[in-house]
Amino acid sequence: MVRCIDTDVFMYTMTRREFREAVDEGTVRLVIVPTGSCEQHGDHLMLIHDTATVFHLAVRAAERLKPWVKVAPPIPFGYSEYWMSPEFRAGTITLRFEHFAAVLSDVLGSLRRQGVRNLMVLNGHGGNARPVSSPFLEELQRNLDAKIVFLSYWDVLSDIPVTDLMAKGKIPGHAGEFETSIALYLFPEAVRLSEVAEEEDKATTCEKGGRLVEAIVEGVVSRIRMEFGLQS
């Protein structure tokens, strides 16, 4: 059974005084901003899969680094223009390339103006990496005088031998073995099992999803410790 989310790490359930004092006193040293999408994920996964997944992963990472890390409300829309053709007309909501970058800039800028100097964008949607180029991040860091790390959650798996879990060895893929296994572990009630493609059916398991989630969370926590010098 999947345990409940620890709401203590939510930034947005704090009051204004609680948040202000936590930042001023140095109790909150990092805020994670999850970024996802609302887009088609086949006939078996939720449209909000990317956002829901990355939010869960951000919360689990923050739990291990309490009280230093808080999780901001996720940005639920991303750059998904490539799913907007008539054949995929099925619930996708996309931001324009430059608009996603602008929204992200405003969110990070707002947090910086509240006194937060360390920011991690934990990304859960492949299309969002394109607008957030290295020059964009470097300029944003200079303008905000902040440390900003952009990390797509599956990137931490490049240093972890988990490809042996994948029947097809494809990470992250789209609505396939990788994402479906994670969904079966994090929110099984939302997966339409009868609609899972036959070729993915046997390769997709809750157990595999659990092992992937654990590896990802460990990787994200390690990256936070390395980049920001935070310890549990």
Protein backbone atom coordinates (compact mmCIF):
# COMPACT_ATOMS: atom_id res chain seq x y z
CA MET A 1 0.00 0.00 0.00
CA VAL A 2 1.32 3.45 -0.91
CA ARG A 3 1.60 5.73 2.08
CA CYS A 4 -0.01 9.15 2.34
CA ILE A 5 1.77 12.32 1.26
CA ASP A 6 3.44 14.33 4.04
CA THR A 7 1.71 17.71 3.79
CA ASP A 8 4.23 19.26 6.20
CA VAL A 9 6.54 19.87 3.26
CA PHE A 10 3.97 21.89 1.29
CA MET A 11 4.99 25.52 1.05
CA TYR A 12 1.46 26.62 0.25
CA THR A 13 -0.18 25.29 3.42
CA MET A 14 1.96 27.65 5.51
CA THR A 15 0.66 31.03 6.60
CA ARG A 16 2.42 34.20 5.51
CA ARG A 17 4.08 34.62 8.93
CA GLU A 18 5.16 30.97 9.06
CA PHE A 19 6.76 31.19 5.64
CA ARG A 20 8.39 34.57 6.25
CA GLU A 21 9.88 33.49 9.58
CA ALA A 22 11.08 30.14 8.20
CA VAL A 23 12.93 31.89 5.36
CA ASP A 24 14.33 34.68 7.55
CA GLU A 25 15.53 32.23 10.20
CA GLY A 26 17.06 29.89 7.61
CA THR A 27 14.76 26.97 8.38
CA VAL A 28 13.60 26.90 4.75
CA ARG A 29 16.74 26.81 2.63
CA LEU A 30 15.38 25.46 -0.65
CA VAL A 31 12.06 25.51 -2.49
CA ILE A 32 11.33 22.90 -5.16
CA VAL A 33 9.10 24.02 -8.04
CA PRO A 34 7.63 20.96 -9.84
CA THR A 35 6.86 21.44 -13.54
CA GLY A 36 4.66 19.08 -15.53
CA SER A 37 2.03 19.07 -18.24
CA CYS A 38 -1.58 18.38 -19.03
CA GLU A 39 -1.43 16.28 -22.18
CA GLN A 40 -2.54 13.02 -23.72
CA HIS A 41 -1.00 9.90 -22.21
CA GLY A 42 -2.69 7.25 -24.28
CA ASP A 43 -6.02 5.77 -23.25
CA HIS A 44 -4.81 4.42 -19.90
CA LEU A 45 -3.07 7.27 -18.06
CA MET A 46 -4.36 10.59 -16.73
CA LEU A 47 -3.87 13.76 -18.73
CA ILE A 48 -2.19 15.22 -15.64
CA HIS A 49 0.21 12.26 -15.27
CA ASP A 50 3.45 14.26 -15.63
CA THR A 51 2.40 16.87 -13.09
CA ALA A 52 1.04 14.34 -10.59
CA THR A 53 4.18 12.19 -10.85
CA VAL A 54 6.73 14.96 -10.44
CA PHE A 55 4.76 16.46 -7.54
CA HIS A 56 4.80 13.13 -5.69
CA LEU A 57 8.53 12.75 -6.32
CA ALA A 58 9.25 16.30 -5.12
CA VAL A 59 7.29 15.69 -1.92
CA ARG A 60 9.08 12.41 -1.21
CA ALA A 61 12.46 14.06 -1.71
CA ALA A 62 11.49 16.99 0.54
CA GLU A 63 10.35 14.58 3.26
CA ARG A 64 13.89 13.25 3.51
CA LEU A 65 15.31 16.73 3.89
CA LYS A 66 12.90 18.20 6.43
CA PRO A 67 12.66 20.95 7.53
CA TRP A 68 15.04 22.57 5.05
CA VAL A 69 13.03 21.94 1.88
CA LYS A 70 9.52 22.98 0.88
CA VAL A 71 7.55 22.16 -2.27
CA ALA A 72 5.79 24.95 -4.17
CA PRO A 73 2.53 24.44 -6.05
CA PRO A 74 3.31 22.62 -9.30
CA ILE A 75 3.12 24.34 -12.67
CA PRO A 76 0.58 22.04 -14.36
CA PHE A 77 0.98 23.21 -17.96
CA GLY A 78 4.03 22.88 -20.17
CA TYR A 79 5.20 22.98 -23.76
CA SER A 80 3.21 20.23 -25.51
CA GLU A 81 2.61 21.68 -28.95
CA TYR A 82 3.53 18.39 -30.63
CA TRP A 83 0.37 16.74 -29.20
CA MET A 84 -1.95 19.40 -30.64
CA SER A 85 -2.45 17.83 -34.08
CA PRO A 86 -5.99 16.62 -34.94
CA GLU A 87 -5.07 12.95 -34.42
CA PHE A 88 -4.19 13.68 -30.78
CA ARG A 89 -7.12 16.02 -30.08
CA ALA A 90 -7.66 14.69 -26.60
CA GLY A 91 -7.31 17.13 -23.71
CA THR A 92 -3.81 18.51 -24.16
CA ILE A 93 -3.25 22.07 -22.94
CA THR A 94 -0.03 23.70 -24.13
CA LEU A 95 1.85 26.87 -23.35
CA ARG A 96 3.85 28.52 -26.08
CA PHE A 97 7.59 27.97 -25.91
CA GLU A 98 8.37 31.48 -24.70
CA HIS A 99 5.34 31.60 -22.40
CA PHE A 100 6.44 28.55 -20.42
CA ALA A 101 9.83 30.18 -19.90
CA ALA A 102 8.10 33.41 -18.84
CA VAL A 103 5.81 31.65 -16.36
CA LEU A 104 8.74 29.80 -14.85
CA SER A 105 10.72 33.04 -14.61
CA ASP A 106 7.87 34.76 -12.80
CA VAL A 107 7.38 31.89 -10.33
CA LEU A 108 11.08 31.70 -9.49
CA GLY A 109 11.29 35.49 -9.38
CA SER A 110 8.40 35.66 -6.94
CA LEU A 111 10.08 33.19 -4.60
CA ARG A 112 13.36 35.07 -4.82
CA ARG A 113 11.62 38.33 -3.92
CA GLN A 114 10.31 36.55 -0.81
CA GLY A 115 13.88 35.85 0.25
CA VAL A 116 14.44 32.33 -1.15
CA ARG A 117 17.94 32.10 -2.61
CA ASN A 118 18.03 28.38 -3.50
CA LEU A 119 15.57 27.05 -6.06
CA MET A 120 15.21 23.71 -7.80
CA VAL A 121 12.96 23.18 -10.80
CA LEU A 122 12.09 19.48 -10.71
CA ASN A 123 10.73 18.75 -14.16
CA GLY A 124 8.36 15.94 -15.09
CA HIS A 125 7.71 16.64 -18.79
CA GLY A 126 10.24 16.28 -21.59
CA GLY A 127 8.92 19.23 -23.60
CA ASN A 128 9.70 21.63 -20.76
CA ALA A 129 13.44 21.08 -21.05
CA ARG A 130 13.58 22.75 -24.45
CA PRO A 131 12.59 26.27 -23.32
CA VAL A 132 14.89 26.08 -20.28
CA SER A 133 18.26 26.21 -22.03
CA SER A 134 21.58 26.75 -20.27
CA PRO A 135 21.79 30.40 -21.43
CA PHE A 136 18.26 31.00 -20.13
CA LEU A 137 19.12 29.56 -16.70
CA GLU A 138 22.42 31.40 -16.48
CA GLU A 139 20.76 34.73 -17.27
CA LEU A 140 17.96 34.03 -14.81
CA GLN A 141 20.42 33.22 -12.04
CA ARG A 142 22.30 36.46 -12.68
CA ASN A 143 19.13 38.55 -12.77
CA LEU A 144 17.72 37.01 -9.61
CA ASP A 145 21.02 36.58 -7.75
CA ALA A 146 19.93 33.06 -6.86
CA LYS A 147 21.12 29.51 -7.31
CA ILE A 148 18.74 27.68 -9.65
CA VAL A 149 19.01 24.03 -10.63
CA PHE A 150 16.82 22.53 -13.37
CA LEU A 151 16.50 18.75 -13.19
CA SER A 152 14.27 16.40 -15.15
CA TYR A 153 13.62 13.62 -12.65
CA TRP A 154 14.58 10.75 -14.98
CA ASP A 155 18.04 12.26 -15.48
CA VAL A 156 19.11 11.00 -12.06
CA LEU A 157 18.70 7.45 -13.36
CA SER A 158 21.67 7.86 -15.70
CA ASP A 159 23.94 7.15 -12.74
CA ILE A 160 21.81 4.31 -11.35
CA PRO A 161 21.68 0.80 -12.91
CA VAL A 162 17.91 0.53 -13.35
CA THR A 163 17.73 -0.16 -17.08
CA ASP A 164 17.70 -3.87 -16.23
CA LEU A 165 14.19 -3.27 -14.85
CA MET A 166 12.92 -2.14 -18.23
CA ALA A 167 11.88 -4.81 -20.70
CA LYS A 168 12.42 -2.35 -23.53
CA GLY A 169 15.10 -0.31 -21.78
CA LYS A 170 13.38 3.00 -22.61
CA ILE A 171 13.48 5.78 -20.02
CA PRO A 172 11.37 7.83 -19.76
CA GLY A 173 9.33 7.12 -22.91
CA HIS A 174 5.75 8.34 -23.16
CA ALA A 175 2.83 6.45 -21.58
CA GLY A 176 4.80 3.23 -21.90
CA GLU A 177 6.39 0.76 -19.50
CA PHE A 178 8.26 3.38 -17.46
CA GLU A 179 5.46 5.89 -16.86
CA THR A 180 2.75 3.26 -16.48
CA SER A 181 4.72 1.29 -13.87
CA ILE A 182 5.27 4.49 -11.86
CA ALA A 183 1.57 5.35 -12.13
CA LEU A 184 0.59 1.87 -10.90
CA TYR A 185 2.71 2.49 -7.81
CA LEU A 186 1.85 6.13 -7.07
CA PHE A 187 -1.83 6.29 -8.09
CA PRO A 188 -3.06 2.82 -9.18
CA GLU A 189 -6.72 3.83 -8.94
CA ALA A 190 -6.19 6.26 -11.83
CA VAL A 191 -4.74 3.72 -14.30
CA ARG A 192 -7.22 2.25 -16.79
CA LEU A 193 -5.77 -1.24 -16.84
CA SER A 194 -8.13 -2.46 -19.53
CA GLU A 195 -6.69 0.14 -21.90
CA VAL A 196 -3.00 -0.69 -21.41
CA ALA A 197 -1.51 -1.70 -24.74
CA GLU A 198 -0.99 -5.46 -25.02
CA GLU A 199 2.75 -5.15 -25.68
CA GLU A 200 3.17 -3.10 -22.48
CA ASP A 201 0.86 -5.17 -20.30
CA LYS A 202 3.26 -7.85 -19.07
CA ALA A 203 6.18 -5.41 -18.76
CA THR A 204 4.27 -3.02 -16.51
CA THR A 205 4.08 -3.73 -12.78
CA CYS A 206 3.49 -1.88 -9.51
CA GLU A 207 6.61 -3.49 -8.04
CA LYS A 208 8.72 -2.13 -10.87
CA GLY A 209 7.17 1.29 -10.34
CA GLY A 210 8.07 1.20 -6.65
CA ARG A 211 11.69 0.37 -7.40
CA LEU A 212 11.87 3.16 -9.95
CA VAL A 213 10.32 5.70 -7.58
CA GLU A 214 12.72 4.77 -4.80
CA ALA A 215 15.71 5.09 -7.12
CA ILE A 216 14.51 8.44 -8.45
CA VAL A 217 13.86 9.90 -5.00
CA GLU A 218 17.29 8.77 -3.82
CA GLY A 219 18.83 10.37 -6.89
CA VAL A 220 16.98 13.67 -6.43
CA VAL A 221 17.94 13.82 -2.74
CA SER A 222 21.58 13.14 -3.62
CA ARG A 223 21.54 15.88 -6.26
CA ILE A 224 20.03 18.37 -3.78
CA ARG A 225 22.70 17.55 -1.21
CA MET A 226 25.42 17.95 -3.81
CA GLU A 227 24.12 21.16 -5.39
CA PHE A 228 22.90 22.98 -2.29
CA GLY A 229 24.89 21.40 0.53
CA LEU A 230 21.77 20.31 2.41
CA GLN A 231 21.78 17.36 4.77
CA SER A 232 18.83 15.50 6.30
